[in-house]
Amino acid sequence: MTIIHFRAVNYNADIKLKQFVIQRLDKLSHFYNQIIEIYVFTKVENTSDKKNKKAEIKISIPGNNVVVKKICKI
């Protein structure tokens, strides 16, 4: 099983969100079994702009790190 670290910045993440993220990321081990750790950072910025939600996933694998960043479109 892969170690998954979840961090919510500027808000309190609901347990349902954490469970959803863990459930989805556990599926990655079916495709690549050498994942060491996964770090998930979610952030809500205090702005009036509707594009204030961000997510970043850092996947640690032997020799490299894979980083995926996403900003909401709504």
Protein backbone atom coordinates (compact mmCIF):
# COMPACT_ATOMS: atom_id res chain seq x y z
CA MET A 1 0.00 0.00 0.00
CA THR A 2 1.22 3.46 -0.91
CA ILE A 3 1.59 6.12 1.80
CA ILE A 4 -0.70 9.08 1.05
CA HIS A 5 -0.30 12.44 2.80
CA PHE A 6 -3.25 14.84 2.55
CA ARG A 7 -3.00 18.51 3.45
CA ALA A 8 -5.73 21.16 3.27
CA VAL A 9 -4.58 24.78 3.30
CA ASN A 10 -6.88 27.63 4.43
CA TYR A 11 -9.87 25.35 5.06
CA ASN A 12 -10.88 22.20 6.92
CA ALA A 13 -11.28 19.28 4.52
CA ASP A 14 -14.25 17.03 5.07
CA ILE A 15 -13.55 13.36 5.78
CA LYS A 16 -15.51 12.47 2.62
CA LEU A 17 -13.06 14.47 0.50
CA LYS A 18 -10.09 12.75 2.12
CA GLN A 19 -11.63 9.31 1.60
CA PHE A 20 -12.41 10.13 -2.03
CA VAL A 21 -8.83 11.23 -2.69
CA ILE A 22 -7.34 8.18 -0.98
CA GLN A 23 -9.70 5.85 -2.85
CA ARG A 24 -8.75 7.36 -6.22
CA LEU A 25 -5.02 7.46 -5.57
CA ASP A 26 -4.90 3.87 -4.31
CA LYS A 27 -5.84 2.84 -7.86
CA LEU A 28 -2.50 4.17 -9.15
CA SER A 29 -0.71 1.17 -7.67
CA HIS A 30 -2.50 -1.02 -10.24
CA PHE A 31 -0.69 0.82 -13.03
CA TYR A 32 2.70 1.40 -11.39
CA ASN A 33 3.72 -0.58 -8.33
CA GLN A 34 6.90 1.34 -7.39
CA ILE A 35 5.18 4.44 -5.97
CA ILE A 36 6.79 5.32 -2.64
CA GLU A 37 4.62 8.19 -1.38
CA ILE A 38 1.95 10.55 -2.61
CA TYR A 39 1.51 14.08 -1.28
CA VAL A 40 -1.81 15.85 -1.91
CA PHE A 41 -2.11 19.58 -1.27
CA THR A 42 -5.47 21.30 -1.64
CA LYS A 43 -5.84 25.04 -1.17
CA VAL A 44 -8.59 27.63 -1.15
CA GLU A 45 -7.41 31.21 -1.50
CA ASN A 46 -9.31 34.07 0.07
CA THR A 47 -10.10 36.05 -3.07
CA SER A 48 -13.27 37.23 -4.74
CA ASP A 49 -12.24 35.41 -7.91
CA LYS A 50 -14.10 32.15 -8.49
CA LYS A 51 -10.86 30.44 -9.54
CA ASN A 52 -9.67 30.16 -5.97
CA LYS A 53 -9.39 26.39 -5.56
CA LYS A 54 -6.11 24.61 -6.29
CA ALA A 55 -4.93 21.02 -6.03
CA GLU A 56 -1.42 19.65 -6.33
CA ILE A 57 -0.34 16.01 -6.27
CA LYS A 58 3.30 14.98 -5.90
CA ILE A 59 4.05 11.32 -6.59
CA SER A 60 7.41 10.03 -5.35
CA ILE A 61 8.84 7.21 -7.44
CA PRO A 62 12.39 5.82 -7.51
CA GLY A 63 14.62 8.36 -9.25
CA ASN A 64 11.97 11.01 -9.95
CA ASN A 65 9.00 12.95 -8.68
CA VAL A 66 5.86 13.51 -10.71
CA VAL A 67 3.92 16.70 -9.97
CA VAL A 68 0.41 17.48 -11.18
CA LYS A 69 -1.24 20.87 -10.55
CA LYS A 70 -4.82 21.86 -11.25
CA ILE A 71 -6.78 25.09 -10.74
CA CYS A 72 -10.57 25.05 -10.85
CA LYS A 73 -12.26 26.57 -13.90
CA ILE A 74 -15.45 27.70 -12.22
